[in-house]
Amino acid sequence: MAVYHTPVMLDEVLGALNVKAAGIYADLTFGGGGHSKAILKHLKTGLLVSFDQDTDALANVPENKRFVPVLGNFRFLSQYLRYLGIKEVDGVLADLGVSMHQFDEPARGFTYRSNAPLDMRMNHSASFTAADLLNTSDEERLTKIFRDNADIPFARRLAASVVRFRTRQKFETTGQLADCVSPFCRPAEKNKILSRVFQ
């Protein structure tokens, strides 16, 4: 079982949700389950539906009749609620982004701090990896990804560098991507830029 961090601002989250004993709630990113488990403590007759597409996360699900775990992306929230006969919810929690657990496991490919397979899949059953994306996307698409998703100021130059790199060899590791990004970074901002590329 994976080890997850304790959620930050837990009391503030619970206060904002104003959890009612009979309420219906959705946790869109179960992760280590810290938020969900805290919500469940307040439910007497209510229900909590929690999503995560990472099978590692759902290894932490609590045994509780008020809890419905969903292995899948939260974009299917409305379909699952309809399936469960739920017309509305009292609160939705979305703690978005990559979890520290995923950064801390080099094999997941989310970190530039170690040389590992360039994976970055939230869902292990998905077949398309970050390496596949870099090896198959055209320069225009890569520019858009780096600019819109990572807010990289030199997105076009980085995309061109990726395309040049893959003419010599395919992307396979996090180290290769980090090496491709590093020449564009001033030393003082290197970690910040790499973090944005790997987010």
C-alpha atoms as a PDB file:
ATOM      1  CA  MET A   1       0.000   0.000   0.000  1.00  0.00           C
ATOM      2  CA  ALA A   2       1.306   3.435  -0.921  1.00  0.00           C
ATOM      3  CA  VAL A   3       2.086   6.001   1.768  1.00  0.00           C
ATOM      4  CA  TYR A   4       0.341   9.354   1.353  1.00  0.00           C
ATOM      5  CA  HIS A   5       0.771  12.683   3.099  1.00  0.00           C
ATOM      6  CA  THR A   6      -1.729  14.054   5.592  1.00  0.00           C
ATOM      7  CA  PRO A   7      -3.969  16.565   3.806  1.00  0.00           C
ATOM      8  CA  VAL A   8      -3.205  20.201   4.504  1.00  0.00           C
ATOM      9  CA  MET A   9      -5.905  22.638   5.601  1.00  0.00           C
ATOM     10  CA  LEU A  10      -8.182  19.746   6.569  1.00  0.00           C
ATOM     11  CA  ASP A  11     -10.168  21.774   9.112  1.00  0.00           C
ATOM     12  CA  GLU A  12     -10.617  24.610   6.608  1.00  0.00           C
ATOM     13  CA  VAL A  13     -11.841  22.175   3.942  1.00  0.00           C
ATOM     14  CA  LEU A  14     -14.344  20.591   6.329  1.00  0.00           C
ATOM     15  CA  GLY A  15     -15.504  24.041   7.407  1.00  0.00           C
ATOM     16  CA  ALA A  16     -15.989  25.175   3.814  1.00  0.00           C
ATOM     17  CA  LEU A  17     -17.936  22.002   2.968  1.00  0.00           C
ATOM     18  CA  ASN A  18     -20.069  22.452   6.098  1.00  0.00           C
ATOM     19  CA  VAL A  19     -20.543  18.677   6.229  1.00  0.00           C
ATOM     20  CA  LYS A  20     -24.051  17.640   7.298  1.00  0.00           C
ATOM     21  CA  ALA A  21     -24.747  14.226   8.823  1.00  0.00           C
ATOM     22  CA  ALA A  22     -27.278  13.424   6.076  1.00  0.00           C
ATOM     23  CA  GLY A  23     -25.443  15.195   3.252  1.00  0.00           C
ATOM     24  CA  ILE A  24     -24.236  13.829  -0.053  1.00  0.00           C
ATOM     25  CA  TYR A  25     -20.678  14.720  -1.034  1.00  0.00           C
ATOM     26  CA  ALA A  26     -18.205  14.031  -3.818  1.00  0.00           C
ATOM     27  CA  ASP A  27     -14.431  13.912  -3.413  1.00  0.00           C
ATOM     28  CA  LEU A  28     -13.080  14.193  -6.945  1.00  0.00           C
ATOM     29  CA  THR A  29      -9.505  13.243  -6.032  1.00  0.00           C
ATOM     30  CA  PHE A  30      -9.415  10.557  -3.321  1.00  0.00           C
ATOM     31  CA  GLY A  31      -5.587  10.269  -3.227  1.00  0.00           C
ATOM     32  CA  GLY A  32      -4.572   9.021   0.209  1.00  0.00           C
ATOM     33  CA  GLY A  33      -8.139   9.338   1.435  1.00  0.00           C
ATOM     34  CA  GLY A  34      -7.443  11.894   4.152  1.00  0.00           C
ATOM     35  CA  HIS A  35     -10.212  14.284   3.120  1.00  0.00           C
ATOM     36  CA  SER A  36     -12.691  11.481   2.415  1.00  0.00           C
ATOM     37  CA  LYS A  37     -12.072   9.762   5.743  1.00  0.00           C
ATOM     38  CA  ALA A  38     -12.585  13.058   7.581  1.00  0.00           C
ATOM     39  CA  ILE A  39     -15.857  13.705   5.719  1.00  0.00           C
ATOM     40  CA  LEU A  40     -17.050  10.174   6.505  1.00  0.00           C
ATOM     41  CA  LYS A  41     -16.576  10.783  10.242  1.00  0.00           C
ATOM     42  CA  HIS A  42     -19.305  13.439  10.020  1.00  0.00           C
ATOM     43  CA  LEU A  43     -21.799  11.392   7.976  1.00  0.00           C
ATOM     44  CA  LYS A  44     -24.519   9.458   9.799  1.00  0.00           C
ATOM     45  CA  THR A  45     -27.015   8.809   7.014  1.00  0.00           C
ATOM     46  CA  GLY A  46     -25.298  10.666   4.172  1.00  0.00           C
ATOM     47  CA  LEU A  47     -23.142   9.393   1.322  1.00  0.00           C
ATOM     48  CA  LEU A  48     -19.684  10.143  -0.053  1.00  0.00           C
ATOM     49  CA  VAL A  49     -18.690   9.294  -3.631  1.00  0.00           C
ATOM     50  CA  SER A  50     -14.902   9.462  -4.146  1.00  0.00           C
ATOM     51  CA  PHE A  51     -13.072   9.343  -7.462  1.00  0.00           C
ATOM     52  CA  ASP A  52      -9.506   8.505  -8.345  1.00  0.00           C
ATOM     53  CA  GLN A  53      -8.055   7.072 -11.516  1.00  0.00           C
ATOM     54  CA  ASP A  54      -4.903   5.886  -9.753  1.00  0.00           C
ATOM     55  CA  THR A  55      -5.244   2.269  -8.595  1.00  0.00           C
ATOM     56  CA  ASP A  56      -2.624   2.953  -5.905  1.00  0.00           C
ATOM     57  CA  ALA A  57      -4.965   5.490  -4.322  1.00  0.00           C
ATOM     58  CA  LEU A  58      -7.933   3.172  -4.163  1.00  0.00           C
ATOM     59  CA  ALA A  59      -5.885   0.646  -2.198  1.00  0.00           C
ATOM     60  CA  ASN A  60      -6.568   2.992   0.754  1.00  0.00           C
ATOM     61  CA  VAL A  61     -10.387   2.925   0.603  1.00  0.00           C
ATOM     62  CA  PRO A  62     -12.172   2.668   3.935  1.00  0.00           C
ATOM     63  CA  GLU A  63     -14.754  -0.020   4.669  1.00  0.00           C
ATOM     64  CA  ASN A  64     -17.869   2.074   5.167  1.00  0.00           C
ATOM     65  CA  LYS A  65     -21.408   1.656   3.834  1.00  0.00           C
ATOM     66  CA  ARG A  66     -21.616   5.442   3.377  1.00  0.00           C
ATOM     67  CA  PHE A  67     -18.657   5.389   0.983  1.00  0.00           C
ATOM     68  CA  VAL A  68     -18.712   4.704  -2.772  1.00  0.00           C
ATOM     69  CA  PRO A  69     -15.220   4.481  -4.324  1.00  0.00           C
ATOM     70  CA  VAL A  70     -14.971   5.032  -8.077  1.00  0.00           C
ATOM     71  CA  LEU A  71     -11.895   3.981 -10.024  1.00  0.00           C
ATOM     72  CA  GLY A  72     -12.082   6.554 -12.780  1.00  0.00           C
ATOM     73  CA  ASN A  73     -11.716  10.164 -13.762  1.00  0.00           C
ATOM     74  CA  PHE A  74     -13.995  12.699 -12.086  1.00  0.00           C
ATOM     75  CA  ARG A  75     -15.123  13.911 -15.497  1.00  0.00           C
ATOM     76  CA  PHE A  76     -17.662  11.080 -15.177  1.00  0.00           C
ATOM     77  CA  LEU A  77     -19.138  12.558 -11.985  1.00  0.00           C
ATOM     78  CA  SER A  78     -22.572  13.329 -13.434  1.00  0.00           C
ATOM     79  CA  GLN A  79     -22.884   9.854 -14.987  1.00  0.00           C
ATOM     80  CA  TYR A  80     -22.001   8.125 -11.700  1.00  0.00           C
ATOM     81  CA  LEU A  81     -24.372  10.314  -9.713  1.00  0.00           C
ATOM     82  CA  ARG A  82     -27.156   9.537 -12.186  1.00  0.00           C
ATOM     83  CA  TYR A  83     -26.326   5.821 -11.932  1.00  0.00           C
ATOM     84  CA  LEU A  84     -26.580   6.050  -8.125  1.00  0.00           C
ATOM     85  CA  GLY A  85     -29.881   7.943  -8.383  1.00  0.00           C
ATOM     86  CA  ILE A  86     -28.404  11.141  -6.939  1.00  0.00           C
ATOM     87  CA  LYS A  87     -29.883  14.355  -8.323  1.00  0.00           C
ATOM     88  CA  GLU A  88     -27.761  16.838  -6.362  1.00  0.00           C
ATOM     89  CA  VAL A  89     -24.927  16.955  -3.859  1.00  0.00           C
ATOM     90  CA  ASP A  90     -24.317  19.109  -0.810  1.00  0.00           C
ATOM     91  CA  GLY A  91     -20.635  19.620  -1.545  1.00  0.00           C
ATOM     92  CA  VAL A  92     -17.805  18.789  -3.919  1.00  0.00           C
ATOM     93  CA  LEU A  93     -14.111  18.655  -3.022  1.00  0.00           C
ATOM     94  CA  ALA A  94     -11.474  18.875  -5.761  1.00  0.00           C
ATOM     95  CA  ASP A  95      -7.866  18.795  -4.541  1.00  0.00           C
ATOM     96  CA  LEU A  96      -6.404  18.876  -8.052  1.00  0.00           C
ATOM     97  CA  GLY A  97      -2.917  18.115  -9.299  1.00  0.00           C
ATOM     98  CA  VAL A  98      -0.292  15.458  -8.925  1.00  0.00           C
ATOM     99  CA  SER A  99       0.011  14.139  -5.370  1.00  0.00           C
ATOM    100  CA  MET A 100       3.296  14.068  -3.482  1.00  0.00           C
ATOM    101  CA  HIS A 101       2.965  10.288  -3.485  1.00  0.00           C
ATOM    102  CA  GLN A 102       3.234  10.313  -7.277  1.00  0.00           C
ATOM    103  CA  PHE A 103       6.236  12.657  -7.201  1.00  0.00           C
ATOM    104  CA  ASP A 104       7.927  10.539  -4.539  1.00  0.00           C
ATOM    105  CA  GLU A 105       7.793   7.360  -6.639  1.00  0.00           C
ATOM    106  CA  PRO A 106      10.357   7.793  -9.444  1.00  0.00           C
ATOM    107  CA  ALA A 107       8.857   4.932 -11.469  1.00  0.00           C
ATOM    108  CA  ARG A 108       5.702   7.019 -11.953  1.00  0.00           C
ATOM    109  CA  GLY A 109       7.744   9.399 -14.125  1.00  0.00           C
ATOM    110  CA  PHE A 110       6.500  12.648 -12.568  1.00  0.00           C
ATOM    111  CA  THR A 111       9.837  13.810 -11.183  1.00  0.00           C
ATOM    112  CA  TYR A 112      12.960  15.238 -12.751  1.00  0.00           C
ATOM    113  CA  ARG A 113      15.003  14.475  -9.630  1.00  0.00           C
ATOM    114  CA  SER A 114      15.800  10.930 -10.731  1.00  0.00           C
ATOM    115  CA  ASN A 115      16.216   9.287 -14.100  1.00  0.00           C
ATOM    116  CA  ALA A 116      13.225   6.999 -14.548  1.00  0.00           C
ATOM    117  CA  PRO A 117      10.832   5.961 -17.312  1.00  0.00           C
ATOM    118  CA  LEU A 118       9.009   8.996 -18.715  1.00  0.00           C
ATOM    119  CA  ASP A 119       5.538   7.778 -17.799  1.00  0.00           C
ATOM    120  CA  MET A 120       3.357  10.427 -16.070  1.00  0.00           C
ATOM    121  CA  ARG A 121       0.161   8.387 -16.331  1.00  0.00           C
ATOM    122  CA  MET A 122      -2.359   8.995 -13.562  1.00  0.00           C
ATOM    123  CA  ASN A 123      -4.020   5.737 -14.577  1.00  0.00           C
ATOM    124  CA  HIS A 124      -1.692   2.766 -15.107  1.00  0.00           C
ATOM    125  CA  SER A 125      -4.161   1.121 -17.471  1.00  0.00           C
ATOM    126  CA  ALA A 126      -3.912   4.030 -19.923  1.00  0.00           C
ATOM    127  CA  SER A 127      -1.560   3.071 -22.715  1.00  0.00           C
ATOM    128  CA  PHE A 128      -0.299   6.532 -23.744  1.00  0.00           C
ATOM    129  CA  THR A 129       2.690   7.797 -21.722  1.00  0.00           C
ATOM    130  CA  ALA A 130       4.434  11.164 -21.587  1.00  0.00           C
ATOM    131  CA  ALA A 131       7.222   9.618 -23.685  1.00  0.00           C
ATOM    132  CA  ASP A 132       4.633   8.696 -26.323  1.00  0.00           C
ATOM    133  CA  LEU A 133       3.319  12.258 -26.288  1.00  0.00           C
ATOM    134  CA  LEU A 134       6.795  13.753 -26.796  1.00  0.00           C
ATOM    135  CA  ASN A 135       7.705  11.215 -29.469  1.00  0.00           C
ATOM    136  CA  THR A 136       4.553  11.644 -31.570  1.00  0.00           C
ATOM    137  CA  SER A 137       3.253  15.208 -31.169  1.00  0.00           C
ATOM    138  CA  ASP A 138       4.093  17.831 -33.758  1.00  0.00           C
ATOM    139  CA  GLU A 139       5.883  21.030 -32.810  1.00  0.00           C
ATOM    140  CA  GLU A 140       2.702  23.105 -32.764  1.00  0.00           C
ATOM    141  CA  ARG A 141       0.938  20.752 -30.341  1.00  0.00           C
ATOM    142  CA  LEU A 142       3.999  20.598 -28.075  1.00  0.00           C
ATOM    143  CA  THR A 143       4.189  24.399 -28.057  1.00  0.00           C
ATOM    144  CA  LYS A 144       0.549  24.590 -26.980  1.00  0.00           C
ATOM    145  CA  ILE A 145       1.088  21.976 -24.240  1.00  0.00           C
ATOM    146  CA  PHE A 146       4.163  23.719 -22.813  1.00  0.00           C
ATOM    147  CA  ARG A 147       2.569  27.168 -23.057  1.00  0.00           C
ATOM    148  CA  ASP A 148      -0.969  26.378 -21.857  1.00  0.00           C
ATOM    149  CA  ASN A 149      -0.367  23.558 -19.359  1.00  0.00           C
ATOM    150  CA  ALA A 150       3.025  24.482 -17.911  1.00  0.00           C
ATOM    151  CA  ASP A 151       3.116  28.248 -18.554  1.00  0.00           C
ATOM    152  CA  ILE A 152       6.581  27.982 -20.104  1.00  0.00           C
ATOM    153  CA  PRO A 153       7.677  31.353 -21.576  1.00  0.00           C
ATOM    154  CA  PHE A 154       9.966  29.677 -24.123  1.00  0.00           C
ATOM    155  CA  ALA A 155       7.381  27.069 -25.169  1.00  0.00           C
ATOM    156  CA  ARG A 156       8.053  27.325 -28.918  1.00  0.00           C
ATOM    157  CA  ARG A 157      11.825  26.966 -28.528  1.00  0.00           C
ATOM    158  CA  LEU A 158      11.379  24.051 -26.129  1.00  0.00           C
ATOM    159  CA  ALA A 159       8.998  22.311 -28.538  1.00  0.00           C
ATOM    160  CA  ALA A 160      11.533  22.735 -31.347  1.00  0.00           C
ATOM    161  CA  SER A 161      14.233  21.301 -29.080  1.00  0.00           C
ATOM    162  CA  VAL A 162      12.048  18.264 -28.301  1.00  0.00           C
ATOM    163  CA  VAL A 163      11.480  17.640 -32.010  1.00  0.00           C
ATOM    164  CA  ARG A 164      15.232  17.945 -32.717  1.00  0.00           C
ATOM    165  CA  PHE A 165      16.066  15.588 -29.842  1.00  0.00           C
ATOM    166  CA  ARG A 166      13.727  12.865 -31.046  1.00  0.00           C
ATOM    167  CA  THR A 167      15.262  12.877 -34.531  1.00  0.00           C
ATOM    168  CA  ARG A 168      18.395  11.468 -32.853  1.00  0.00           C
ATOM    169  CA  GLN A 169      16.694   9.187 -30.328  1.00  0.00           C
ATOM    170  CA  LYS A 170      13.292   8.537 -28.800  1.00  0.00           C
ATOM    171  CA  PHE A 171      12.328   9.984 -25.451  1.00  0.00           C
ATOM    172  CA  GLU A 172      12.300   7.250 -22.830  1.00  0.00           C
ATOM    173  CA  THR A 173      13.377   8.793 -19.514  1.00  0.00           C
ATOM    174  CA  THR A 174      12.680  11.740 -17.248  1.00  0.00           C
ATOM    175  CA  GLY A 175      16.378  12.594 -17.442  1.00  0.00           C
ATOM    176  CA  GLN A 176      16.162  13.064 -21.210  1.00  0.00           C
ATOM    177  CA  LEU A 177      13.296  15.526 -20.846  1.00  0.00           C
ATOM    178  CA  ALA A 178      15.091  17.382 -18.033  1.00  0.00           C
ATOM    179  CA  ASP A 179      18.234  17.591 -20.206  1.00  0.00           C
ATOM    180  CA  CYS A 180      16.129  18.998 -23.044  1.00  0.00           C
ATOM    181  CA  VAL A 181      14.632  21.710 -20.802  1.00  0.00           C
ATOM    182  CA  SER A 182      17.735  22.669 -18.785  1.00  0.00           C
ATOM    183  CA  PRO A 183      19.611  24.689 -21.465  1.00  0.00           C
ATOM    184  CA  PHE A 184      16.718  27.169 -21.548  1.00  0.00           C
ATOM    185  CA  CYS A 185      16.809  27.836 -17.790  1.00  0.00           C
ATOM    186  CA  ARG A 186      18.854  30.292 -15.786  1.00  0.00           C
ATOM    187  CA  PRO A 187      20.380  28.458 -12.804  1.00  0.00           C
ATOM    188  CA  ALA A 188      18.220  30.357 -10.301  1.00  0.00           C
ATOM    189  CA  GLU A 189      14.980  29.300 -12.015  1.00  0.00           C
ATOM    190  CA  LYS A 190      15.889  25.804 -13.212  1.00  0.00           C
ATOM    191  CA  ASN A 191      13.967  23.899 -10.499  1.00  0.00           C
ATOM    192  CA  LYS A 192      10.917  26.134 -10.915  1.00  0.00           C
ATOM    193  CA  ILE A 193      10.801  25.603 -14.687  1.00  0.00           C
ATOM    194  CA  LEU A 194      11.436  21.857 -14.446  1.00  0.00           C
ATOM    195  CA  SER A 195       8.671  21.563 -11.848  1.00  0.00           C
ATOM    196  CA  ARG A 196       6.233  23.242 -14.232  1.00  0.00           C
ATOM    197  CA  VAL A 197       7.207  20.985 -17.136  1.00  0.00           C
ATOM    198  CA  PHE A 198       6.814  17.879 -14.974  1.00  0.00           C
ATOM    199  CA  GLN A 199       3.503  18.911 -13.362  1.00  0.00           C
END
